[in-house]
């Protein structure tokens, strides 16, 4: 149980004698049906209802937030990537690499390093979007007004901590998966990649819980993310399986789009090549929106449900207080 999980409320105020000051008692909030926290006993049906509720109440704000933090930066990064590849393929270096295997390997390594750098650059923007959407969703669940500017400002203040911890989680995941590949792929060839895929899926689930742990609990996010997933492993797997498959398919589809954009470098006029590349990049950036709008409520509701299992009195007002 987290140290931030709610404790039992104090007893009734005595009717006589000396009373503590008014600010010693928590401010009462409007009570009603719990629409965000999937309470113990509600099961998978309740979880799905809460996920749909997050989308139903806030899809307009979430669409705007993810357009600003996902689609727009994604378009810029994809455009830079495709433009760089087109320029590279038209260069003398690419023609030399076509007949020199050593140079081709060095060029491939540099391209992969640039791709990793672009992922690191994109990460703060995505975390900004998830933090802003979390603030918005919790306030809407509590029946409070939401402003896009305030949501983005909240996310901006939380990005440094989220970025630091998320980067640590992803680096650790990369190192572990790389070691698994070295251990199994060398011994079992292609079949050895299966353990690496399993480990990768497991670590991605944990990494996905780091952000909510930073936002709500403010300490030991890696430990809390690990505990959140492993306290009820199979329920967490079931809840995150569908968005995980969608994310994988979106990634594969994105590769096809980026490959099509890159292939525009072969043949055609400059205008045709630029137009085809622009269309492919725009489609790739637009794909960010539905993927983010599916992943966000799934991870948020799963996280608060896992916490409610160990703190059954957890409610939306407590989450609102923890966000600050």
C-alpha atoms as a PDB file:
ATOM      1  CA  UNK A   1       0.000   0.000   0.000  1.00  0.00           C
ATOM      2  CA  UNK A   2       1.246   3.456  -0.839  1.00  0.00           C
ATOM      3  CA  UNK A   3       1.903   5.943   1.931  1.00  0.00           C
ATOM      4  CA  UNK A   4      -0.384   8.290   0.044  1.00  0.00           C
ATOM      5  CA  UNK A   5      -3.378   5.973   0.084  1.00  0.00           C
ATOM      6  CA  UNK A   6      -6.284   7.474   2.022  1.00  0.00           C
ATOM      7  CA  UNK A   7      -6.695   6.720   5.696  1.00  0.00           C
ATOM      8  CA  UNK A   8     -10.002   6.275   7.515  1.00  0.00           C
ATOM      9  CA  UNK A   9     -11.796   9.557   8.098  1.00  0.00           C
ATOM     10  CA  UNK A  10     -11.921  10.933  11.669  1.00  0.00           C
ATOM     11  CA  UNK A  11     -14.896  10.240  13.878  1.00  0.00           C
ATOM     12  CA  UNK A  12     -17.824  12.516  14.539  1.00  0.00           C
ATOM     13  CA  UNK A  13     -17.246  15.996  15.949  1.00  0.00           C
ATOM     14  CA  UNK A  14     -17.994  16.084  19.704  1.00  0.00           C
ATOM     15  CA  UNK A  15     -21.159  17.983  20.619  1.00  0.00           C
ATOM     16  CA  UNK A  16     -19.681  19.733  23.629  1.00  0.00           C
ATOM     17  CA  UNK A  17     -16.394  20.903  25.036  1.00  0.00           C
ATOM     18  CA  UNK A  18     -13.506  22.442  23.177  1.00  0.00           C
ATOM     19  CA  UNK A  19     -13.398  21.901  19.441  1.00  0.00           C
ATOM     20  CA  UNK A  20     -10.380  21.996  17.133  1.00  0.00           C
ATOM     21  CA  UNK A  21     -10.208  24.772  14.554  1.00  0.00           C
ATOM     22  CA  UNK A  22     -12.367  24.446  11.456  1.00  0.00           C
ATOM     23  CA  UNK A  23      -9.403  23.814   9.188  1.00  0.00           C
ATOM     24  CA  UNK A  24      -8.617  20.628  11.111  1.00  0.00           C
ATOM     25  CA  UNK A  25     -11.483  18.890   9.320  1.00  0.00           C
ATOM     26  CA  UNK A  26     -11.324  17.980   5.637  1.00  0.00           C
ATOM     27  CA  UNK A  27     -13.397  20.060   3.297  1.00  0.00           C
ATOM     28  CA  UNK A  28     -16.486  18.161   2.230  1.00  0.00           C
ATOM     29  CA  UNK A  29     -16.779  17.472  -1.462  1.00  0.00           C
ATOM     30  CA  UNK A  30     -19.841  16.704  -3.478  1.00  0.00           C
ATOM     31  CA  UNK A  31     -20.489  12.972  -3.239  1.00  0.00           C
ATOM     32  CA  UNK A  32     -22.042  10.748  -5.870  1.00  0.00           C
ATOM     33  CA  UNK A  33     -21.450   7.560  -7.830  1.00  0.00           C
ATOM     34  CA  UNK A  34     -17.768   6.780  -8.304  1.00  0.00           C
ATOM     35  CA  UNK A  35     -17.083   7.254 -12.020  1.00  0.00           C
ATOM     36  CA  UNK A  36     -13.287   6.897 -12.174  1.00  0.00           C
ATOM     37  CA  UNK A  37     -12.075   4.379  -9.597  1.00  0.00           C
ATOM     38  CA  UNK A  38     -13.105   0.807 -10.390  1.00  0.00           C
ATOM     39  CA  UNK A  39     -13.998  -0.402  -6.914  1.00  0.00           C
ATOM     40  CA  UNK A  40     -13.294  -3.941  -5.660  1.00  0.00           C
ATOM     41  CA  UNK A  41     -15.964  -6.312  -6.882  1.00  0.00           C
ATOM     42  CA  UNK A  42     -16.896  -4.371 -10.016  1.00  0.00           C
ATOM     43  CA  UNK A  43     -14.630  -6.527 -12.162  1.00  0.00           C
ATOM     44  CA  UNK A  44     -13.832  -6.241 -15.837  1.00  0.00           C
ATOM     45  CA  UNK A  45     -17.267  -4.861 -16.712  1.00  0.00           C
ATOM     46  CA  UNK A  46     -16.841  -1.992 -14.269  1.00  0.00           C
ATOM     47  CA  UNK A  47     -13.344  -1.363 -15.576  1.00  0.00           C
ATOM     48  CA  UNK A  48     -14.595  -1.116 -19.166  1.00  0.00           C
ATOM     49  CA  UNK A  49     -17.391   1.216 -18.051  1.00  0.00           C
ATOM     50  CA  UNK A  50     -14.905   3.512 -16.288  1.00  0.00           C
ATOM     51  CA  UNK A  51     -12.592   3.582 -19.329  1.00  0.00           C
ATOM     52  CA  UNK A  52     -15.518   4.474 -21.591  1.00  0.00           C
ATOM     53  CA  UNK A  53     -16.589   7.130 -19.069  1.00  0.00           C
ATOM     54  CA  UNK A  54     -13.197   8.835 -19.185  1.00  0.00           C
ATOM     55  CA  UNK A  55     -13.469   9.065 -22.968  1.00  0.00           C
ATOM     56  CA  UNK A  56     -17.123  10.135 -22.928  1.00  0.00           C
ATOM     57  CA  UNK A  57     -16.616  12.958 -20.438  1.00  0.00           C
ATOM     58  CA  UNK A  58     -13.383  14.350 -21.849  1.00  0.00           C
ATOM     59  CA  UNK A  59     -12.848  13.308 -25.443  1.00  0.00           C
ATOM     60  CA  UNK A  60     -12.868  16.906 -26.664  1.00  0.00           C
ATOM     61  CA  UNK A  61     -10.193  18.027 -24.189  1.00  0.00           C
ATOM     62  CA  UNK A  62      -8.178  14.862 -24.768  1.00  0.00           C
ATOM     63  CA  UNK A  63      -8.366  15.318 -28.527  1.00  0.00           C
ATOM     64  CA  UNK A  64      -7.020  18.867 -28.213  1.00  0.00           C
ATOM     65  CA  UNK A  65      -4.323  17.864 -25.716  1.00  0.00           C
ATOM     66  CA  UNK A  66      -3.043  14.940 -27.767  1.00  0.00           C
ATOM     67  CA  UNK A  67      -3.185  16.938 -30.985  1.00  0.00           C
ATOM     68  CA  UNK A  68      -0.871  19.520 -29.392  1.00  0.00           C
ATOM     69  CA  UNK A  69       1.448  17.085 -27.616  1.00  0.00           C
ATOM     70  CA  UNK A  70       1.385  14.019 -29.880  1.00  0.00           C
ATOM     71  CA  UNK A  71       0.241  14.737 -33.425  1.00  0.00           C
ATOM     72  CA  UNK A  72       1.976  18.087 -33.915  1.00  0.00           C
ATOM     73  CA  UNK A  73       5.410  17.058 -32.541  1.00  0.00           C
ATOM     74  CA  UNK A  74       5.014  13.728 -34.329  1.00  0.00           C
ATOM     75  CA  UNK A  75       4.441  15.484 -37.640  1.00  0.00           C
ATOM     76  CA  UNK A  76       7.538  17.646 -37.172  1.00  0.00           C
ATOM     77  CA  UNK A  77       9.735  14.698 -36.189  1.00  0.00           C
ATOM     78  CA  UNK A  78       8.408  12.451 -38.968  1.00  0.00           C
ATOM     79  CA  UNK A  79       8.942  15.227 -41.504  1.00  0.00           C
ATOM     80  CA  UNK A  80      12.522  15.715 -40.334  1.00  0.00           C
ATOM     81  CA  UNK A  81      13.140  11.962 -40.450  1.00  0.00           C
ATOM     82  CA  UNK A  82      11.737  11.490 -43.954  1.00  0.00           C
ATOM     83  CA  UNK A  83      13.484  14.627 -45.223  1.00  0.00           C
ATOM     84  CA  UNK A  84      16.768  13.386 -43.787  1.00  0.00           C
ATOM     85  CA  UNK A  85      16.359   9.961 -45.413  1.00  0.00           C
ATOM     86  CA  UNK A  86      15.517  11.488 -48.785  1.00  0.00           C
ATOM     87  CA  UNK A  87      18.580  13.716 -48.581  1.00  0.00           C
ATOM     88  CA  UNK A  88      20.721  10.765 -47.485  1.00  0.00           C
ATOM     89  CA  UNK A  89      19.625   8.551 -50.364  1.00  0.00           C
ATOM     90  CA  UNK A  90      20.476  11.287 -52.851  1.00  0.00           C
ATOM     91  CA  UNK A  91      23.946  11.753 -51.373  1.00  0.00           C
ATOM     92  CA  UNK A  92      27.292  10.352 -52.473  1.00  0.00           C
ATOM     93  CA  UNK A  93      27.583   8.642 -49.077  1.00  0.00           C
ATOM     94  CA  UNK A  94      24.587   6.398 -49.796  1.00  0.00           C
ATOM     95  CA  UNK A  95      25.936   5.463 -53.215  1.00  0.00           C
ATOM     96  CA  UNK A  96      29.284   4.580 -51.649  1.00  0.00           C
ATOM     97  CA  UNK A  97      27.572   2.510 -48.928  1.00  0.00           C
ATOM     98  CA  UNK A  98      25.807   0.476 -51.621  1.00  0.00           C
ATOM     99  CA  UNK A  99      29.138  -1.090 -52.601  1.00  0.00           C
ATOM    100  CA  UNK A 100      30.917  -0.974 -49.230  1.00  0.00           C
ATOM    101  CA  UNK A 101      29.533  -3.253 -46.505  1.00  0.00           C
ATOM    102  CA  UNK A 102      31.573  -1.669 -43.712  1.00  0.00           C
ATOM    103  CA  UNK A 103      30.393   1.808 -44.633  1.00  0.00           C
ATOM    104  CA  UNK A 104      26.812   0.506 -44.894  1.00  0.00           C
ATOM    105  CA  UNK A 105      27.009  -0.894 -41.349  1.00  0.00           C
ATOM    106  CA  UNK A 106      28.356   2.378 -39.989  1.00  0.00           C
ATOM    107  CA  UNK A 107      25.625   4.297 -41.793  1.00  0.00           C
ATOM    108  CA  UNK A 108      22.959   1.992 -40.379  1.00  0.00           C
ATOM    109  CA  UNK A 109      24.277   2.461 -36.846  1.00  0.00           C
ATOM    110  CA  UNK A 110      24.188   6.232 -37.235  1.00  0.00           C
ATOM    111  CA  UNK A 111      20.626   6.132 -38.550  1.00  0.00           C
ATOM    112  CA  UNK A 112      19.563   4.007 -35.563  1.00  0.00           C
ATOM    113  CA  UNK A 113      21.253   6.453 -33.195  1.00  0.00           C
ATOM    114  CA  UNK A 114      19.315   9.313 -34.786  1.00  0.00           C
ATOM    115  CA  UNK A 115      16.084   7.339 -34.399  1.00  0.00           C
ATOM    116  CA  UNK A 116      16.802   6.755 -30.687  1.00  0.00           C
ATOM    117  CA  UNK A 117      17.553  10.451 -30.251  1.00  0.00           C
ATOM    118  CA  UNK A 118      14.244  11.347 -31.897  1.00  0.00           C
ATOM    119  CA  UNK A 119      12.405   9.009 -29.511  1.00  0.00           C
ATOM    120  CA  UNK A 120      14.052  10.729 -26.546  1.00  0.00           C
ATOM    121  CA  UNK A 121      13.093  14.136 -27.945  1.00  0.00           C
ATOM    122  CA  UNK A 122       9.481  13.017 -28.471  1.00  0.00           C
ATOM    123  CA  UNK A 123       9.128  11.538 -24.968  1.00  0.00           C
ATOM    124  CA  UNK A 124       8.678  14.828 -23.023  1.00  0.00           C
ATOM    125  CA  UNK A 125       5.900  15.924 -25.382  1.00  0.00           C
ATOM    126  CA  UNK A 126       4.042  12.666 -24.889  1.00  0.00           C
ATOM    127  CA  UNK A 127       4.458  12.809 -21.127  1.00  0.00           C
ATOM    128  CA  UNK A 128       3.159  16.383 -21.176  1.00  0.00           C
ATOM    129  CA  UNK A 129       0.050  15.144 -22.950  1.00  0.00           C
ATOM    130  CA  UNK A 130      -0.547  12.272 -20.542  1.00  0.00           C
ATOM    131  CA  UNK A 131      -0.054  14.485 -17.483  1.00  0.00           C
ATOM    132  CA  UNK A 132      -2.413  17.165 -18.824  1.00  0.00           C
ATOM    133  CA  UNK A 133      -5.016  14.568 -19.782  1.00  0.00           C
ATOM    134  CA  UNK A 134      -4.773  12.983 -16.319  1.00  0.00           C
ATOM    135  CA  UNK A 135      -5.418  16.320 -14.600  1.00  0.00           C
ATOM    136  CA  UNK A 136      -8.339  16.925 -16.929  1.00  0.00           C
ATOM    137  CA  UNK A 137      -9.862  13.445 -16.452  1.00  0.00           C
ATOM    138  CA  UNK A 138      -9.666  13.506 -12.656  1.00  0.00           C
ATOM    139  CA  UNK A 139     -11.228  16.966 -12.425  1.00  0.00           C
ATOM    140  CA  UNK A 140     -14.019  15.970 -14.791  1.00  0.00           C
ATOM    141  CA  UNK A 141     -14.673  12.850 -12.726  1.00  0.00           C
ATOM    142  CA  UNK A 142     -14.964  15.104  -9.668  1.00  0.00           C
ATOM    143  CA  UNK A 143     -17.429  17.381 -11.480  1.00  0.00           C
ATOM    144  CA  UNK A 144     -15.021  20.328 -11.653  1.00  0.00           C
ATOM    145  CA  UNK A 145     -14.433  22.643 -14.638  1.00  0.00           C
ATOM    146  CA  UNK A 146     -11.463  22.020 -16.911  1.00  0.00           C
ATOM    147  CA  UNK A 147      -9.443  24.516 -18.934  1.00  0.00           C
ATOM    148  CA  UNK A 148      -7.030  23.410 -21.626  1.00  0.00           C
ATOM    149  CA  UNK A 149      -4.431  26.018 -20.672  1.00  0.00           C
ATOM    150  CA  UNK A 150      -4.467  24.977 -17.004  1.00  0.00           C
ATOM    151  CA  UNK A 151      -4.211  21.318 -17.953  1.00  0.00           C
ATOM    152  CA  UNK A 152      -1.168  21.983 -20.126  1.00  0.00           C
ATOM    153  CA  UNK A 153       0.418  24.119 -17.414  1.00  0.00           C
ATOM    154  CA  UNK A 154      -0.062  21.321 -14.900  1.00  0.00           C
ATOM    155  CA  UNK A 155       1.517  18.853 -17.312  1.00  0.00           C
ATOM    156  CA  UNK A 156       4.416  21.190 -18.009  1.00  0.00           C
ATOM    157  CA  UNK A 157       5.258  21.377 -14.302  1.00  0.00           C
ATOM    158  CA  UNK A 158       5.206  17.588 -13.989  1.00  0.00           C
ATOM    159  CA  UNK A 159       7.220  16.788 -17.120  1.00  0.00           C
ATOM    160  CA  UNK A 160      10.740  16.974 -15.580  1.00  0.00           C
ATOM    161  CA  UNK A 161      10.044  14.328 -12.924  1.00  0.00           C
ATOM    162  CA  UNK A 162       8.055  12.139 -15.308  1.00  0.00           C
ATOM    163  CA  UNK A 163      10.736  12.380 -17.985  1.00  0.00           C
ATOM    164  CA  UNK A 164      13.554  11.495 -15.597  1.00  0.00           C
ATOM    165  CA  UNK A 165      11.833   8.443 -14.143  1.00  0.00           C
ATOM    166  CA  UNK A 166      10.364   7.275 -17.460  1.00  0.00           C
ATOM    167  CA  UNK A 167      13.772   7.541 -19.127  1.00  0.00           C
ATOM    168  CA  UNK A 168      15.304   5.429 -16.361  1.00  0.00           C
ATOM    169  CA  UNK A 169      12.528   2.848 -16.790  1.00  0.00           C
ATOM    170  CA  UNK A 170      12.945   2.652 -20.571  1.00  0.00           C
ATOM    171  CA  UNK A 171      16.737   2.428 -20.370  1.00  0.00           C
ATOM    172  CA  UNK A 172      16.480  -0.408 -17.836  1.00  0.00           C
ATOM    173  CA  UNK A 173      13.930  -2.153 -20.054  1.00  0.00           C
ATOM    174  CA  UNK A 174      16.213  -1.796 -23.081  1.00  0.00           C
ATOM    175  CA  UNK A 175      19.195  -3.208 -21.197  1.00  0.00           C
ATOM    176  CA  UNK A 176      17.208  -6.192 -19.890  1.00  0.00           C
ATOM    177  CA  UNK A 177      15.695  -6.991 -23.300  1.00  0.00           C
ATOM    178  CA  UNK A 178      19.100  -6.636 -24.967  1.00  0.00           C
ATOM    179  CA  UNK A 179      20.621  -9.096 -22.476  1.00  0.00           C
ATOM    180  CA  UNK A 180      17.759 -11.543 -23.027  1.00  0.00           C
ATOM    181  CA  UNK A 181      18.309 -11.357 -26.788  1.00  0.00           C
ATOM    182  CA  UNK A 182      22.037 -12.015 -26.325  1.00  0.00           C
ATOM    183  CA  UNK A 183      21.326 -15.003 -24.079  1.00  0.00           C
ATOM    184  CA  UNK A 184      18.593 -16.705 -26.089  1.00  0.00           C
ATOM    185  CA  UNK A 185      18.903 -15.550 -29.695  1.00  0.00           C
ATOM    186  CA  UNK A 186      22.500 -16.727 -29.946  1.00  0.00           C
ATOM    187  CA  UNK A 187      21.547 -20.168 -28.642  1.00  0.00           C
ATOM    188  CA  UNK A 188      18.164 -20.715 -30.286  1.00  0.00           C
ATOM    189  CA  UNK A 189      18.351 -18.451 -33.342  1.00  0.00           C
ATOM    190  CA  UNK A 190      14.996 -16.865 -34.272  1.00  0.00           C
ATOM    191  CA  UNK A 191      13.011 -18.800 -31.641  1.00  0.00           C
ATOM    192  CA  UNK A 192      15.170 -17.150 -29.019  1.00  0.00           C
ATOM    193  CA  UNK A 193      13.433 -13.852 -29.713  1.00  0.00           C
ATOM    194  CA  UNK A 194      10.214 -15.138 -28.126  1.00  0.00           C
ATOM    195  CA  UNK A 195      11.489 -14.687 -24.525  1.00  0.00           C
ATOM    196  CA  UNK A 196      12.672 -11.205 -25.460  1.00  0.00           C
ATOM    197  CA  UNK A 197       9.200 -10.284 -26.743  1.00  0.00           C
ATOM    198  CA  UNK A 198       7.595 -11.609 -23.545  1.00  0.00           C
ATOM    199  CA  UNK A 199      10.035  -9.694 -21.346  1.00  0.00           C
ATOM    200  CA  UNK A 200       9.533  -6.568 -23.451  1.00  0.00           C
ATOM    201  CA  UNK A 201       5.755  -6.722 -23.026  1.00  0.00           C
ATOM    202  CA  UNK A 202       6.113  -7.185 -19.268  1.00  0.00           C
ATOM    203  CA  UNK A 203       8.538  -4.279 -18.880  1.00  0.00           C
ATOM    204  CA  UNK A 204       6.434  -1.988 -21.070  1.00  0.00           C
ATOM    205  CA  UNK A 205       3.481  -2.563 -18.712  1.00  0.00           C
ATOM    206  CA  UNK A 206       5.639  -1.544 -15.758  1.00  0.00           C
ATOM    207  CA  UNK A 207       7.030   1.477 -17.607  1.00  0.00           C
ATOM    208  CA  UNK A 208       3.478   2.544 -18.423  1.00  0.00           C
ATOM    209  CA  UNK A 209       2.647   2.728 -14.717  1.00  0.00           C
ATOM    210  CA  UNK A 210       5.642   4.927 -13.865  1.00  0.00           C
ATOM    211  CA  UNK A 211       3.928   8.110 -15.075  1.00  0.00           C
ATOM    212  CA  UNK A 212       0.786   7.727 -12.922  1.00  0.00           C
ATOM    213  CA  UNK A 213       2.953   6.787  -9.935  1.00  0.00           C
ATOM    214  CA  UNK A 214       4.926  10.020 -10.347  1.00  0.00           C
ATOM    215  CA  UNK A 215       1.772  12.118 -10.744  1.00  0.00           C
ATOM    216  CA  UNK A 216      -0.178  10.695  -7.820  1.00  0.00           C
ATOM    217  CA  UNK A 217       2.253   9.205  -5.323  1.00  0.00           C
ATOM    218  CA  UNK A 218       5.336  11.414  -5.853  1.00  0.00           C
ATOM    219  CA  UNK A 219       7.932   8.936  -4.571  1.00  0.00           C
ATOM    220  CA  UNK A 220       9.503   5.571  -5.437  1.00  0.00           C
ATOM    221  CA  UNK A 221       7.731   5.447  -8.822  1.00  0.00           C
ATOM    222  CA  UNK A 222       9.686   2.450 -10.131  1.00  0.00           C
ATOM    223  CA  UNK A 223       8.862   0.390  -7.048  1.00  0.00           C
ATOM    224  CA  UNK A 224       5.236   1.497  -7.080  1.00  0.00           C
ATOM    225  CA  UNK A 225       4.921   0.737 -10.811  1.00  0.00           C
ATOM    226  CA  UNK A 226       6.396  -2.739 -10.243  1.00  0.00           C
ATOM    227  CA  UNK A 227       4.038  -3.386  -7.323  1.00  0.00           C
ATOM    228  CA  UNK A 228       1.029  -2.090  -9.263  1.00  0.00           C
ATOM    229  CA  UNK A 229       1.563  -4.587 -12.072  1.00  0.00           C
ATOM    230  CA  UNK A 230       2.609  -7.566  -9.965  1.00  0.00           C
ATOM    231  CA  UNK A 231       0.067  -7.226  -7.141  1.00  0.00           C
ATOM    232  CA  UNK A 232      -2.514  -8.647  -9.569  1.00  0.00           C
ATOM    233  CA  UNK A 233      -0.526  -9.656 -12.601  1.00  0.00           C
ATOM    234  CA  UNK A 234      -3.093 -11.452 -14.748  1.00  0.00           C
ATOM    235  CA  UNK A 235      -5.888  -8.884 -14.271  1.00  0.00           C
ATOM    236  CA  UNK A 236      -3.388  -6.194 -15.270  1.00  0.00           C
ATOM    237  CA  UNK A 237      -2.362  -8.215 -18.344  1.00  0.00           C
ATOM    238  CA  UNK A 238      -6.000  -8.676 -19.400  1.00  0.00           C
ATOM    239  CA  UNK A 239      -6.734  -4.962 -19.031  1.00  0.00           C
ATOM    240  CA  UNK A 240      -3.628  -3.830 -20.906  1.00  0.00           C
ATOM    241  CA  UNK A 241      -3.638  -6.544 -23.579  1.00  0.00           C
ATOM    242  CA  UNK A 242      -6.053  -4.889 -26.013  1.00  0.00           C
ATOM    243  CA  UNK A 243      -4.349  -1.462 -26.056  1.00  0.00           C
ATOM    244  CA  UNK A 244      -1.005  -3.267 -26.211  1.00  0.00           C
ATOM    245  CA  UNK A 245      -2.053  -5.119 -29.369  1.00  0.00           C
ATOM    246  CA  UNK A 246      -3.442  -1.897 -30.844  1.00  0.00           C
ATOM    247  CA  UNK A 247      -0.156  -0.116 -30.060  1.00  0.00           C
ATOM    248  CA  UNK A 248       1.813  -2.881 -31.763  1.00  0.00           C
ATOM    249  CA  UNK A 249      -0.418  -2.805 -34.853  1.00  0.00           C
ATOM    250  CA  UNK A 250      -0.197   0.986 -34.960  1.00  0.00           C
ATOM    251  CA  UNK A 251       3.574   0.743 -34.777  1.00  0.00           C
ATOM    252  CA  UNK A 252       3.636  -1.737 -37.668  1.00  0.00           C
ATOM    253  CA  UNK A 253       1.245   0.426 -39.701  1.00  0.00           C
ATOM    254  CA  UNK A 254       3.373   3.449 -38.923  1.00  0.00           C
ATOM    255  CA  UNK A 255       6.418   1.648 -40.272  1.00  0.00           C
ATOM    256  CA  UNK A 256       4.547   0.996 -43.514  1.00  0.00           C
ATOM    257  CA  UNK A 257       3.616   4.685 -43.801  1.00  0.00           C
ATOM    258  CA  UNK A 258       7.153   5.850 -43.045  1.00  0.00           C
ATOM    259  CA  UNK A 259       8.527   3.320 -45.508  1.00  0.00           C
ATOM    260  CA  UNK A 260       6.132   4.611 -48.166  1.00  0.00           C
ATOM    261  CA  UNK A 261       7.238   8.164 -47.447  1.00  0.00           C
ATOM    262  CA  UNK A 262      10.870   7.143 -47.685  1.00  0.00           C
ATOM    263  CA  UNK A 263      10.245   5.313 -50.979  1.00  0.00           C
ATOM    264  CA  UNK A 264       9.081   8.611 -52.455  1.00  0.00           C
ATOM    265  CA  UNK A 265      12.751   9.342 -52.938  1.00  0.00           C
ATOM    266  CA  UNK A 266      12.802   7.019 -55.946  1.00  0.00           C
ATOM    267  CA  UNK A 267      11.560   8.525 -59.200  1.00  0.00           C
ATOM    268  CA  UNK A 268       9.061  11.259 -59.990  1.00  0.00           C
ATOM    269  CA  UNK A 269       9.404  15.006 -60.001  1.00  0.00           C
ATOM    270  CA  UNK A 270      10.440  16.954 -56.920  1.00  0.00           C
ATOM    271  CA  UNK A 271       6.863  18.144 -56.409  1.00  0.00           C
ATOM    272  CA  UNK A 272       5.439  14.611 -56.629  1.00  0.00           C
ATOM    273  CA  UNK A 273       8.018  13.242 -54.223  1.00  0.00           C
ATOM    274  CA  UNK A 274       7.430  16.059 -51.721  1.00  0.00           C
ATOM    275  CA  UNK A 275       3.645  15.703 -51.954  1.00  0.00           C
ATOM    276  CA  UNK A 276       3.725  11.950 -51.445  1.00  0.00           C
ATOM    277  CA  UNK A 277       6.104  12.284 -48.495  1.00  0.00           C
ATOM    278  CA  UNK A 278       3.946  15.019 -46.924  1.00  0.00           C
ATOM    279  CA  UNK A 279       0.792  12.878 -47.206  1.00  0.00           C
ATOM    280  CA  UNK A 280       2.496   9.858 -45.645  1.00  0.00           C
ATOM    281  CA  UNK A 281       3.959  11.925 -42.805  1.00  0.00           C
ATOM    282  CA  UNK A 282       0.576  13.575 -42.120  1.00  0.00           C
ATOM    283  CA  UNK A 283      -1.118  10.154 -41.968  1.00  0.00           C
ATOM    284  CA  UNK A 284       1.568   8.869 -39.617  1.00  0.00           C
ATOM    285  CA  UNK A 285       1.151  11.871 -37.290  1.00  0.00           C
ATOM    286  CA  UNK A 286      -2.647  11.598 -37.364  1.00  0.00           C
ATOM    287  CA  UNK A 287      -2.338   7.978 -36.216  1.00  0.00           C
ATOM    288  CA  UNK A 288      -0.952   9.281 -32.926  1.00  0.00           C
ATOM    289  CA  UNK A 289      -4.385  10.593 -31.869  1.00  0.00           C
ATOM    290  CA  UNK A 290      -6.497   7.408 -31.712  1.00  0.00           C
ATOM    291  CA  UNK A 291      -3.615   5.425 -30.220  1.00  0.00           C
ATOM    292  CA  UNK A 292      -3.077   7.989 -27.430  1.00  0.00           C
ATOM    293  CA  UNK A 293      -6.806   8.305 -26.737  1.00  0.00           C
ATOM    294  CA  UNK A 294      -7.037   4.539 -26.290  1.00  0.00           C
ATOM    295  CA  UNK A 295      -3.889   4.090 -24.217  1.00  0.00           C
ATOM    296  CA  UNK A 296      -4.493   6.988 -21.832  1.00  0.00           C
ATOM    297  CA  UNK A 297      -7.818   5.989 -20.200  1.00  0.00           C
ATOM    298  CA  UNK A 298      -6.806   2.333 -20.162  1.00  0.00           C
ATOM    299  CA  UNK A 299      -3.618   2.971 -18.202  1.00  0.00           C
ATOM    300  CA  UNK A 300      -5.242   5.546 -15.887  1.00  0.00           C
ATOM    301  CA  UNK A 301      -8.226   3.390 -14.917  1.00  0.00           C
ATOM    302  CA  UNK A 302      -6.040   0.291 -14.533  1.00  0.00           C
ATOM    303  CA  UNK A 303      -3.660   2.181 -12.241  1.00  0.00           C
ATOM    304  CA  UNK A 304      -6.356   3.558  -9.935  1.00  0.00           C
ATOM    305  CA  UNK A 305      -8.125   0.174  -9.910  1.00  0.00           C
ATOM    306  CA  UNK A 306      -4.945  -1.556  -8.716  1.00  0.00           C
ATOM    307  CA  UNK A 307      -4.575   1.025  -5.950  1.00  0.00           C
ATOM    308  CA  UNK A 308      -8.203   0.581  -4.941  1.00  0.00           C
ATOM    309  CA  UNK A 309      -7.551  -3.116  -4.414  1.00  0.00           C
ATOM    310  CA  UNK A 310      -5.169  -2.325  -1.535  1.00  0.00           C
ATOM    311  CA  UNK A 311      -6.985   0.847  -0.397  1.00  0.00           C
ATOM    312  CA  UNK A 312     -10.713   0.151  -0.843  1.00  0.00           C
ATOM    313  CA  UNK A 313     -11.696   3.632   0.354  1.00  0.00           C
ATOM    314  CA  UNK A 314      -9.782   5.313  -2.493  1.00  0.00           C
ATOM    315  CA  UNK A 315     -12.052   7.727  -4.331  1.00  0.00           C
ATOM    316  CA  UNK A 316     -11.764  10.477  -6.935  1.00  0.00           C
ATOM    317  CA  UNK A 317     -11.441  13.293  -4.321  1.00  0.00           C
ATOM    318  CA  UNK A 318      -8.352  11.566  -2.915  1.00  0.00           C
ATOM    319  CA  UNK A 319      -6.823  11.409  -6.397  1.00  0.00           C
ATOM    320  CA  UNK A 320      -7.651  15.063  -6.922  1.00  0.00           C
ATOM    321  CA  UNK A 321      -5.854  15.983  -3.702  1.00  0.00           C
ATOM    322  CA  UNK A 322      -2.816  13.946  -4.690  1.00  0.00           C
ATOM    323  CA  UNK A 323      -2.530  15.713  -8.045  1.00  0.00           C
ATOM    324  CA  UNK A 324      -2.421  19.067  -6.261  1.00  0.00           C
END
